[in-house]
C-alpha cells in the first residue's frame, strides 16, 4: 500500500476541520451503510457529503512530513473530497467483498465533481488495483478535469496501468495539451513502443505545422534509434530553445553513441546539462 494508516489520518483531518455534529452525521451514515449493506444509501451519502461536511475555513492538514499530507496538498484536496474518500475507505474496510463492485460503479452514477474525487484519491482506497477498469475508462473522457484527475499528479497510473494503458494516457495528455510535467514516473514507465508513438505523433504534428510540447520527448532517451536520432537533429536545429534543450537531454541520457556524438556538436547545451542548469523541470525557462 502506497500510504499507511489512511483511515485514521483522514479521520483526524475531519476531526480538526468539522463540527462534532457533522462528524457524527458521517460516522452514523457509515455505520448504517455497513450494517444494512445499502447500496442506495452509499451513493446518496457520497452525493450528500458536501451539504453536511462543509466549512469556509482553509483546510487544516497535520503539520508533519507525512506522504499522505503531501499528496493531499498536491491534489489541492478539500474537506468534501476527504469526507467522500473516507466514506468509501471505511465501507470497503468493513465489508470489501460486498462493497467493492458498488464502489466501482460510482463512476457510472457520479456527477463530474464526484467522479473527479473518486479518481484523484483512488490510490487511497484499500486494494486500489481493484478499480483499474474504472481508471482506464476515465481516459476516454473529453472532460479535461476528469482526465486530469487520473492522469496528473496521480501515482495510480504508474503503479497499475499496463504498457498500452500508460501509453494511451501519455499520448492523450499530449493531444489535449495538458501539463506533461504533472504526469508521475515518466522515466520509469518509458518504453520502446511509446518512443515509436512519440516520433510518429511528432511527424504528424510537424506535417500539419503544429507545435509539440518539448516535454513530450522525455521518454525516448533509452530507446533512441536512427529515426529518433533524425528527430533530435531537427529539434537541435530549431529556433525554439526549449526544443533544443529537450533534444540535448534526450541525447545526453541515451546509450546510443551517435546521440552522444550529436550532442558534442552543441557544447553549451552539454555543459548546461552537466552543471545542472538544463533539466526537464526547467527547459521552458
C-alpha atoms as a PDB file:
ATOM      1  CA  UNK A   1       0.000   0.000   0.000  1.00  0.00           C
ATOM      2  CA  UNK A   2       1.384   3.388  -1.000  1.00  0.00           C
ATOM      3  CA  UNK A   3       0.093   5.224   2.089  1.00  0.00           C
ATOM      4  CA  UNK A   4      -0.087   3.962   5.661  1.00  0.00           C
ATOM      5  CA  UNK A   5      -2.882   4.400   8.237  1.00  0.00           C
ATOM      6  CA  UNK A   6      -5.091   6.181   5.714  1.00  0.00           C
ATOM      7  CA  UNK A   7      -8.325   5.764   7.663  1.00  0.00           C
ATOM      8  CA  UNK A   8      -7.066   7.170  10.943  1.00  0.00           C
ATOM      9  CA  UNK A   9      -5.293  10.064   9.227  1.00  0.00           C
ATOM     10  CA  UNK A  10      -8.341  11.053   7.184  1.00  0.00           C
ATOM     11  CA  UNK A  11     -10.489  10.877  10.318  1.00  0.00           C
ATOM     12  CA  UNK A  12      -8.025  13.133  12.153  1.00  0.00           C
ATOM     13  CA  UNK A  13      -8.295  15.698   9.341  1.00  0.00           C
ATOM     14  CA  UNK A  14     -12.083  15.578   9.564  1.00  0.00           C
ATOM     15  CA  UNK A  15     -11.968  15.965  13.344  1.00  0.00           C
ATOM     16  CA  UNK A  16      -9.725  19.011  13.004  1.00  0.00           C
ATOM     17  CA  UNK A  17     -11.949  20.682  10.419  1.00  0.00           C
ATOM     18  CA  UNK A  18     -15.627  19.865  11.002  1.00  0.00           C
ATOM     19  CA  UNK A  19     -18.076  20.238  13.859  1.00  0.00           C
ATOM     20  CA  UNK A  20     -18.907  17.340  16.142  1.00  0.00           C
ATOM     21  CA  UNK A  21     -22.427  17.326  14.703  1.00  0.00           C
ATOM     22  CA  UNK A  22     -21.237  16.918  11.120  1.00  0.00           C
ATOM     23  CA  UNK A  23     -18.645  14.332  12.054  1.00  0.00           C
ATOM     24  CA  UNK A  24     -21.310  12.384  13.923  1.00  0.00           C
ATOM     25  CA  UNK A  25     -23.563  12.526  10.847  1.00  0.00           C
ATOM     26  CA  UNK A  26     -20.881  10.994   8.619  1.00  0.00           C
ATOM     27  CA  UNK A  27     -19.881   8.303  11.111  1.00  0.00           C
ATOM     28  CA  UNK A  28     -23.509   7.314  11.710  1.00  0.00           C
ATOM     29  CA  UNK A  29     -24.112   7.085   7.969  1.00  0.00           C
ATOM     30  CA  UNK A  30     -21.067   4.866   7.528  1.00  0.00           C
ATOM     31  CA  UNK A  31     -22.218   2.620  10.377  1.00  0.00           C
ATOM     32  CA  UNK A  32     -25.719   2.340   8.924  1.00  0.00           C
ATOM     33  CA  UNK A  33     -24.498   1.643   5.379  1.00  0.00           C
ATOM     34  CA  UNK A  34     -22.235  -1.148   6.603  1.00  0.00           C
ATOM     35  CA  UNK A  35     -24.880  -2.716   8.814  1.00  0.00           C
ATOM     36  CA  UNK A  36     -27.683  -2.590   6.235  1.00  0.00           C
ATOM     37  CA  UNK A  37     -25.450  -3.157   3.199  1.00  0.00           C
ATOM     38  CA  UNK A  38     -27.420  -0.424   1.462  1.00  0.00           C
ATOM     39  CA  UNK A  39     -26.063   0.476  -1.963  1.00  0.00           C
ATOM     40  CA  UNK A  40     -28.662   3.217  -2.298  1.00  0.00           C
ATOM     41  CA  UNK A  41     -27.556   4.880   0.942  1.00  0.00           C
ATOM     42  CA  UNK A  42     -23.901   4.587  -0.047  1.00  0.00           C
ATOM     43  CA  UNK A  43     -24.480   6.510  -3.266  1.00  0.00           C
ATOM     44  CA  UNK A  44     -26.815   9.012  -1.617  1.00  0.00           C
ATOM     45  CA  UNK A  45     -24.389   9.718   1.222  1.00  0.00           C
ATOM     46  CA  UNK A  46     -21.463  10.075  -1.195  1.00  0.00           C
ATOM     47  CA  UNK A  47     -23.508  12.664  -3.049  1.00  0.00           C
ATOM     48  CA  UNK A  48     -24.692  14.470   0.100  1.00  0.00           C
ATOM     49  CA  UNK A  49     -21.309  14.833   1.812  1.00  0.00           C
ATOM     50  CA  UNK A  50     -20.760  18.448   0.606  1.00  0.00           C
ATOM     51  CA  UNK A  51     -24.081  19.511   2.153  1.00  0.00           C
ATOM     52  CA  UNK A  52     -23.007  18.212   5.581  1.00  0.00           C
ATOM     53  CA  UNK A  53     -19.218  18.330   5.633  1.00  0.00           C
ATOM     54  CA  UNK A  54     -18.716  21.986   4.904  1.00  0.00           C
ATOM     55  CA  UNK A  55     -16.625  24.888   6.110  1.00  0.00           C
ATOM     56  CA  UNK A  56     -15.493  28.255   4.820  1.00  0.00           C
ATOM     57  CA  UNK A  57     -12.184  27.994   6.671  1.00  0.00           C
ATOM     58  CA  UNK A  58      -8.988  26.881   4.945  1.00  0.00           C
ATOM     59  CA  UNK A  59      -8.430  23.138   5.240  1.00  0.00           C
ATOM     60  CA  UNK A  60      -6.111  22.340   8.117  1.00  0.00           C
ATOM     61  CA  UNK A  61      -3.728  19.448   7.475  1.00  0.00           C
ATOM     62  CA  UNK A  62      -1.427  17.914  10.112  1.00  0.00           C
ATOM     63  CA  UNK A  63       1.910  19.685  10.356  1.00  0.00           C
ATOM     64  CA  UNK A  64       4.258  16.825   9.542  1.00  0.00           C
ATOM     65  CA  UNK A  65       6.168  15.401   6.587  1.00  0.00           C
ATOM     66  CA  UNK A  66       3.758  12.529   6.064  1.00  0.00           C
ATOM     67  CA  UNK A  67       3.426  11.418   2.444  1.00  0.00           C
ATOM     68  CA  UNK A  68      -0.380  11.408   2.659  1.00  0.00           C
ATOM     69  CA  UNK A  69      -0.381  15.048   3.722  1.00  0.00           C
ATOM     70  CA  UNK A  70       1.878  15.877   0.797  1.00  0.00           C
ATOM     71  CA  UNK A  71      -0.390  14.057  -1.629  1.00  0.00           C
ATOM     72  CA  UNK A  72      -3.497  15.821  -0.359  1.00  0.00           C
ATOM     73  CA  UNK A  73      -1.664  19.114  -0.741  1.00  0.00           C
ATOM     74  CA  UNK A  74      -0.533  18.386  -4.298  1.00  0.00           C
ATOM     75  CA  UNK A  75      -4.075  17.414  -5.253  1.00  0.00           C
ATOM     76  CA  UNK A  76      -5.443  20.518  -3.517  1.00  0.00           C
ATOM     77  CA  UNK A  77      -7.861  18.333  -1.598  1.00  0.00           C
ATOM     78  CA  UNK A  78     -10.857  19.974   0.015  1.00  0.00           C
ATOM     79  CA  UNK A  79     -12.848  18.851   3.012  1.00  0.00           C
ATOM     80  CA  UNK A  80     -15.713  17.477   0.932  1.00  0.00           C
ATOM     81  CA  UNK A  81     -13.340  15.253  -1.048  1.00  0.00           C
ATOM     82  CA  UNK A  82     -11.764  13.979   2.149  1.00  0.00           C
ATOM     83  CA  UNK A  83     -15.217  13.211   3.562  1.00  0.00           C
ATOM     84  CA  UNK A  84     -16.170  11.291   0.436  1.00  0.00           C
ATOM     85  CA  UNK A  85     -12.992   9.252   0.239  1.00  0.00           C
ATOM     86  CA  UNK A  86     -13.184   8.488   3.969  1.00  0.00           C
ATOM     87  CA  UNK A  87     -16.701   7.142   3.424  1.00  0.00           C
ATOM     88  CA  UNK A  88     -15.529   4.811   0.657  1.00  0.00           C
ATOM     89  CA  UNK A  89     -12.450   3.771   2.609  1.00  0.00           C
ATOM     90  CA  UNK A  90     -14.449   2.800   5.694  1.00  0.00           C
ATOM     91  CA  UNK A  91     -17.163   0.773   3.948  1.00  0.00           C
ATOM     92  CA  UNK A  92     -14.502  -1.113   1.997  1.00  0.00           C
ATOM     93  CA  UNK A  93     -12.518  -1.786   5.139  1.00  0.00           C
ATOM     94  CA  UNK A  94     -15.643  -3.134   6.810  1.00  0.00           C
ATOM     95  CA  UNK A  95     -17.024  -5.330   4.004  1.00  0.00           C
ATOM     96  CA  UNK A  96     -14.774  -5.180   0.974  1.00  0.00           C
ATOM     97  CA  UNK A  97     -16.195  -8.120  -0.954  1.00  0.00           C
ATOM     98  CA  UNK A  98     -19.720  -6.741  -0.734  1.00  0.00           C
ATOM     99  CA  UNK A  99     -18.934  -3.072  -1.379  1.00  0.00           C
ATOM    100  CA  UNK A 100     -16.145  -3.477  -3.960  1.00  0.00           C
ATOM    101  CA  UNK A 101     -18.483  -3.671  -7.003  1.00  0.00           C
ATOM    102  CA  UNK A 102     -20.672  -0.897  -5.562  1.00  0.00           C
ATOM    103  CA  UNK A 103     -17.720   1.435  -5.139  1.00  0.00           C
ATOM    104  CA  UNK A 104     -16.502   0.554  -8.627  1.00  0.00           C
ATOM    105  CA  UNK A 105     -19.910   1.537 -10.013  1.00  0.00           C
ATOM    106  CA  UNK A 106     -19.715   5.052  -8.559  1.00  0.00           C
ATOM    107  CA  UNK A 107     -18.062   6.238 -11.767  1.00  0.00           C
ATOM    108  CA  UNK A 108     -21.253   5.259 -13.607  1.00  0.00           C
ATOM    109  CA  UNK A 109     -23.637   7.183 -11.358  1.00  0.00           C
ATOM    110  CA  UNK A 110     -21.474  10.118 -10.223  1.00  0.00           C
ATOM    111  CA  UNK A 111     -21.611  13.681 -11.461  1.00  0.00           C
ATOM    112  CA  UNK A 112     -18.400  15.358 -12.663  1.00  0.00           C
ATOM    113  CA  UNK A 113     -17.257  16.546  -9.242  1.00  0.00           C
ATOM    114  CA  UNK A 114     -17.958  13.177  -7.627  1.00  0.00           C
ATOM    115  CA  UNK A 115     -16.087  11.383 -10.394  1.00  0.00           C
ATOM    116  CA  UNK A 116     -13.063  13.653 -10.056  1.00  0.00           C
ATOM    117  CA  UNK A 117     -12.879  12.919  -6.329  1.00  0.00           C
ATOM    118  CA  UNK A 118     -13.072   9.167  -6.916  1.00  0.00           C
ATOM    119  CA  UNK A 119     -10.268   9.253  -9.498  1.00  0.00           C
ATOM    120  CA  UNK A 120      -7.975  11.699  -7.719  1.00  0.00           C
ATOM    121  CA  UNK A 121      -7.968   9.720  -4.497  1.00  0.00           C
ATOM    122  CA  UNK A 122      -8.427   6.210  -5.857  1.00  0.00           C
ATOM    123  CA  UNK A 123      -4.936   5.318  -4.702  1.00  0.00           C
ATOM    124  CA  UNK A 124      -6.017   5.840  -1.071  1.00  0.00           C
ATOM    125  CA  UNK A 125      -8.632   3.078  -1.137  1.00  0.00           C
ATOM    126  CA  UNK A 126      -7.934  -0.443   0.138  1.00  0.00           C
ATOM    127  CA  UNK A 127      -6.599  -2.571  -2.751  1.00  0.00           C
ATOM    128  CA  UNK A 128      -6.831   0.258  -5.313  1.00  0.00           C
ATOM    129  CA  UNK A 129      -5.859  -2.112  -8.133  1.00  0.00           C
ATOM    130  CA  UNK A 130      -9.447  -3.418  -7.973  1.00  0.00           C
ATOM    131  CA  UNK A 131     -10.602  -0.241  -9.737  1.00  0.00           C
ATOM    132  CA  UNK A 132      -8.199  -0.203 -12.668  1.00  0.00           C
ATOM    133  CA  UNK A 133     -11.002  -0.756 -15.179  1.00  0.00           C
ATOM    134  CA  UNK A 134     -12.710   2.413 -13.939  1.00  0.00           C
ATOM    135  CA  UNK A 135      -9.445   4.381 -14.050  1.00  0.00           C
ATOM    136  CA  UNK A 136      -8.738   3.250 -17.614  1.00  0.00           C
ATOM    137  CA  UNK A 137     -12.301   4.054 -18.667  1.00  0.00           C
ATOM    138  CA  UNK A 138     -11.776   7.607 -17.414  1.00  0.00           C
ATOM    139  CA  UNK A 139      -9.091   8.072 -20.074  1.00  0.00           C
ATOM    140  CA  UNK A 140     -11.850   8.021 -22.709  1.00  0.00           C
ATOM    141  CA  UNK A 141     -13.412  11.223 -21.409  1.00  0.00           C
ATOM    142  CA  UNK A 142     -13.228  14.533 -23.238  1.00  0.00           C
ATOM    143  CA  UNK A 143     -13.755  16.426 -19.977  1.00  0.00           C
ATOM    144  CA  UNK A 144     -10.301  17.744 -19.167  1.00  0.00           C
ATOM    145  CA  UNK A 145     -10.801  17.936 -15.379  1.00  0.00           C
ATOM    146  CA  UNK A 146     -11.925  14.298 -15.236  1.00  0.00           C
ATOM    147  CA  UNK A 147      -8.966  13.200 -17.371  1.00  0.00           C
ATOM    148  CA  UNK A 148      -6.593  15.272 -15.234  1.00  0.00           C
ATOM    149  CA  UNK A 149      -7.936  13.655 -12.069  1.00  0.00           C
ATOM    150  CA  UNK A 150      -6.473  10.296 -13.047  1.00  0.00           C
ATOM    151  CA  UNK A 151      -3.577  11.394 -15.270  1.00  0.00           C
ATOM    152  CA  UNK A 152      -1.945  14.311 -13.457  1.00  0.00           C
ATOM    153  CA  UNK A 153      -0.191  14.388 -10.082  1.00  0.00           C
ATOM    154  CA  UNK A 154      -1.557  10.905  -9.506  1.00  0.00           C
ATOM    155  CA  UNK A 155       0.636   7.856  -8.751  1.00  0.00           C
ATOM    156  CA  UNK A 156      -2.143   5.435  -9.717  1.00  0.00           C
ATOM    157  CA  UNK A 157      -1.366   5.069 -13.465  1.00  0.00           C
ATOM    158  CA  UNK A 158       2.347   4.443 -12.888  1.00  0.00           C
ATOM    159  CA  UNK A 159       1.522   1.820 -10.273  1.00  0.00           C
ATOM    160  CA  UNK A 160      -1.255  -0.088 -12.002  1.00  0.00           C
ATOM    161  CA  UNK A 161      -1.588   0.678 -15.743  1.00  0.00           C
ATOM    162  CA  UNK A 162      -0.093  -1.767 -18.205  1.00  0.00           C
ATOM    163  CA  UNK A 163       2.131  -0.508 -21.010  1.00  0.00           C
ATOM    164  CA  UNK A 164      -0.680   0.019 -23.507  1.00  0.00           C
ATOM    165  CA  UNK A 165      -2.842   1.870 -20.977  1.00  0.00           C
ATOM    166  CA  UNK A 166       0.069   4.038 -19.883  1.00  0.00           C
ATOM    167  CA  UNK A 167       0.962   4.909 -23.470  1.00  0.00           C
ATOM    168  CA  UNK A 168      -2.664   5.753 -24.250  1.00  0.00           C
ATOM    169  CA  UNK A 169      -2.768   8.129 -21.293  1.00  0.00           C
ATOM    170  CA  UNK A 170       0.525   9.812 -22.170  1.00  0.00           C
ATOM    171  CA  UNK A 171      -0.413  10.371 -25.799  1.00  0.00           C
ATOM    172  CA  UNK A 172      -3.866  11.685 -24.936  1.00  0.00           C
ATOM    173  CA  UNK A 173      -2.380  14.093 -22.381  1.00  0.00           C
ATOM    174  CA  UNK A 174      -0.172  15.469 -25.161  1.00  0.00           C
ATOM    175  CA  UNK A 175      -3.084  15.611 -27.608  1.00  0.00           C
ATOM    176  CA  UNK A 176      -5.204  17.502 -25.059  1.00  0.00           C
ATOM    177  CA  UNK A 177      -2.230  19.812 -24.403  1.00  0.00           C
ATOM    178  CA  UNK A 178      -2.215  19.032 -20.698  1.00  0.00           C
ATOM    179  CA  UNK A 179       0.750  19.661 -18.405  1.00  0.00           C
ATOM    180  CA  UNK A 180       3.047  16.717 -19.151  1.00  0.00           C
ATOM    181  CA  UNK A 181       5.321  17.637 -16.248  1.00  0.00           C
ATOM    182  CA  UNK A 182       2.488  16.665 -13.884  1.00  0.00           C
ATOM    183  CA  UNK A 183       2.477  13.032 -15.050  1.00  0.00           C
ATOM    184  CA  UNK A 184       4.280  10.930 -12.456  1.00  0.00           C
ATOM    185  CA  UNK A 185       7.075   8.413 -13.095  1.00  0.00           C
ATOM    186  CA  UNK A 186       7.526   9.274 -16.793  1.00  0.00           C
ATOM    187  CA  UNK A 187      11.123   7.994 -16.845  1.00  0.00           C
ATOM    188  CA  UNK A 188      10.208   4.765 -15.071  1.00  0.00           C
ATOM    189  CA  UNK A 189       7.295   3.983 -17.388  1.00  0.00           C
ATOM    190  CA  UNK A 190       9.107   4.869 -20.629  1.00  0.00           C
ATOM    191  CA  UNK A 191       9.079   2.030 -23.164  1.00  0.00           C
ATOM    192  CA  UNK A 192      10.103   1.262 -26.739  1.00  0.00           C
ATOM    193  CA  UNK A 193       6.567   1.352 -28.123  1.00  0.00           C
ATOM    194  CA  UNK A 194       5.929   4.745 -26.547  1.00  0.00           C
ATOM    195  CA  UNK A 195       9.134   6.105 -28.103  1.00  0.00           C
ATOM    196  CA  UNK A 196       7.868   4.978 -31.524  1.00  0.00           C
ATOM    197  CA  UNK A 197       4.445   6.530 -30.877  1.00  0.00           C
ATOM    198  CA  UNK A 198       6.047   9.828 -29.836  1.00  0.00           C
ATOM    199  CA  UNK A 199       8.072  10.016 -33.048  1.00  0.00           C
ATOM    200  CA  UNK A 200       5.073   9.144 -35.225  1.00  0.00           C
ATOM    201  CA  UNK A 201       2.886  11.712 -33.482  1.00  0.00           C
ATOM    202  CA  UNK A 202       5.579  14.377 -33.796  1.00  0.00           C
ATOM    203  CA  UNK A 203       5.824  13.782 -37.523  1.00  0.00           C
ATOM    204  CA  UNK A 204       2.052  14.212 -37.843  1.00  0.00           C
ATOM    205  CA  UNK A 205       2.215  17.488 -35.918  1.00  0.00           C
ATOM    206  CA  UNK A 206       5.128  18.765 -37.975  1.00  0.00           C
ATOM    207  CA  UNK A 207       3.359  17.879 -41.212  1.00  0.00           C
ATOM    208  CA  UNK A 208       0.412  19.985 -40.058  1.00  0.00           C
ATOM    209  CA  UNK A 209       2.740  22.852 -38.978  1.00  0.00           C
ATOM    210  CA  UNK A 210       1.713  22.425 -35.351  1.00  0.00           C
ATOM    211  CA  UNK A 211       3.849  22.766 -32.247  1.00  0.00           C
ATOM    212  CA  UNK A 212       4.775  19.993 -29.823  1.00  0.00           C
ATOM    213  CA  UNK A 213       5.368  20.393 -26.118  1.00  0.00           C
ATOM    214  CA  UNK A 214       9.141  19.852 -25.706  1.00  0.00           C
ATOM    215  CA  UNK A 215       8.451  17.749 -22.592  1.00  0.00           C
ATOM    216  CA  UNK A 216       6.726  15.233 -24.857  1.00  0.00           C
ATOM    217  CA  UNK A 217      10.132  13.806 -25.840  1.00  0.00           C
ATOM    218  CA  UNK A 218      11.250  12.839 -22.348  1.00  0.00           C
ATOM    219  CA  UNK A 219      10.517   9.066 -22.594  1.00  0.00           C
ATOM    220  CA  UNK A 220      12.619   8.449 -25.735  1.00  0.00           C
ATOM    221  CA  UNK A 221      16.164   8.588 -24.322  1.00  0.00           C
ATOM    222  CA  UNK A 222      16.661   4.875 -23.687  1.00  0.00           C
ATOM    223  CA  UNK A 223      15.057   3.859 -26.982  1.00  0.00           C
ATOM    224  CA  UNK A 224      16.963   6.041 -29.409  1.00  0.00           C
ATOM    225  CA  UNK A 225      17.270   4.637 -32.936  1.00  0.00           C
ATOM    226  CA  UNK A 226      18.152   6.135 -36.298  1.00  0.00           C
ATOM    227  CA  UNK A 227      14.664   7.549 -36.766  1.00  0.00           C
ATOM    228  CA  UNK A 228      14.642   9.262 -33.386  1.00  0.00           C
ATOM    229  CA  UNK A 229      18.172  10.469 -33.990  1.00  0.00           C
ATOM    230  CA  UNK A 230      16.862  12.366 -37.019  1.00  0.00           C
ATOM    231  CA  UNK A 231      14.143  13.837 -34.815  1.00  0.00           C
ATOM    232  CA  UNK A 232      16.821  15.029 -32.387  1.00  0.00           C
ATOM    233  CA  UNK A 233      18.699  16.697 -35.232  1.00  0.00           C
ATOM    234  CA  UNK A 234      15.541  18.548 -36.214  1.00  0.00           C
ATOM    235  CA  UNK A 235      14.935  19.700 -32.645  1.00  0.00           C
ATOM    236  CA  UNK A 236      18.532  20.833 -32.201  1.00  0.00           C
ATOM    237  CA  UNK A 237      18.196  22.913 -35.375  1.00  0.00           C
ATOM    238  CA  UNK A 238      15.052  24.581 -34.035  1.00  0.00           C
ATOM    239  CA  UNK A 239      14.832  28.282 -33.165  1.00  0.00           C
ATOM    240  CA  UNK A 240      12.958  27.222 -30.021  1.00  0.00           C
ATOM    241  CA  UNK A 241      15.456  26.938 -27.164  1.00  0.00           C
ATOM    242  CA  UNK A 242      13.148  24.606 -25.202  1.00  0.00           C
ATOM    243  CA  UNK A 243      13.185  22.152 -28.109  1.00  0.00           C
ATOM    244  CA  UNK A 244      16.972  22.353 -28.265  1.00  0.00           C
ATOM    245  CA  UNK A 245      17.199  21.599 -24.538  1.00  0.00           C
ATOM    246  CA  UNK A 246      14.769  18.692 -24.823  1.00  0.00           C
ATOM    247  CA  UNK A 247      16.809  17.108 -27.611  1.00  0.00           C
ATOM    248  CA  UNK A 248      20.014  17.701 -25.682  1.00  0.00           C
ATOM    249  CA  UNK A 249      18.606  15.947 -22.621  1.00  0.00           C
ATOM    250  CA  UNK A 250      17.419  13.011 -24.727  1.00  0.00           C
ATOM    251  CA  UNK A 251      20.840  12.640 -26.337  1.00  0.00           C
ATOM    252  CA  UNK A 252      22.697  13.077 -23.052  1.00  0.00           C
ATOM    253  CA  UNK A 253      20.673  10.310 -21.363  1.00  0.00           C
ATOM    254  CA  UNK A 254      20.799   7.985 -24.365  1.00  0.00           C
ATOM    255  CA  UNK A 255      23.049   4.937 -24.654  1.00  0.00           C
ATOM    256  CA  UNK A 256      23.354   5.441 -28.415  1.00  0.00           C
ATOM    257  CA  UNK A 257      26.887   6.596 -29.250  1.00  0.00           C
ATOM    258  CA  UNK A 258      25.661   8.575 -32.239  1.00  0.00           C
ATOM    259  CA  UNK A 259      23.357  10.553 -29.957  1.00  0.00           C
ATOM    260  CA  UNK A 260      26.304  11.347 -27.691  1.00  0.00           C
ATOM    261  CA  UNK A 261      28.317  12.425 -30.723  1.00  0.00           C
ATOM    262  CA  UNK A 262      25.471  14.645 -31.903  1.00  0.00           C
ATOM    263  CA  UNK A 263      25.279  16.391 -28.541  1.00  0.00           C
ATOM    264  CA  UNK A 264      29.009  17.144 -28.632  1.00  0.00           C
ATOM    265  CA  UNK A 265      28.292  19.484 -31.529  1.00  0.00           C
ATOM    266  CA  UNK A 266      26.418  21.670 -29.026  1.00  0.00           C
ATOM    267  CA  UNK A 267      28.924  22.114 -26.173  1.00  0.00           C
ATOM    268  CA  UNK A 268      26.948  24.839 -24.393  1.00  0.00           C
ATOM    269  CA  UNK A 269      23.926  22.574 -24.089  1.00  0.00           C
ATOM    270  CA  UNK A 270      26.050  19.641 -22.940  1.00  0.00           C
ATOM    271  CA  UNK A 271      27.756  21.827 -20.357  1.00  0.00           C
ATOM    272  CA  UNK A 272      24.392  23.109 -19.123  1.00  0.00           C
ATOM    273  CA  UNK A 273      23.203  19.560 -18.521  1.00  0.00           C
ATOM    274  CA  UNK A 274      26.414  18.581 -16.756  1.00  0.00           C
ATOM    275  CA  UNK A 275      26.226  21.627 -14.492  1.00  0.00           C
ATOM    276  CA  UNK A 276      22.528  21.064 -13.732  1.00  0.00           C
ATOM    277  CA  UNK A 277      21.243  24.271 -15.316  1.00  0.00           C
ATOM    278  CA  UNK A 278      19.386  22.331 -18.021  1.00  0.00           C
ATOM    279  CA  UNK A 279      16.880  19.828 -16.661  1.00  0.00           C
ATOM    280  CA  UNK A 280      13.470  18.574 -17.728  1.00  0.00           C
ATOM    281  CA  UNK A 281      11.922  20.676 -14.977  1.00  0.00           C
ATOM    282  CA  UNK A 282      13.146  23.984 -16.406  1.00  0.00           C
ATOM    283  CA  UNK A 283      13.570  23.566 -20.164  1.00  0.00           C
ATOM    284  CA  UNK A 284      10.922  26.233 -20.838  1.00  0.00           C
ATOM    285  CA  UNK A 285      12.506  28.799 -18.537  1.00  0.00           C
END
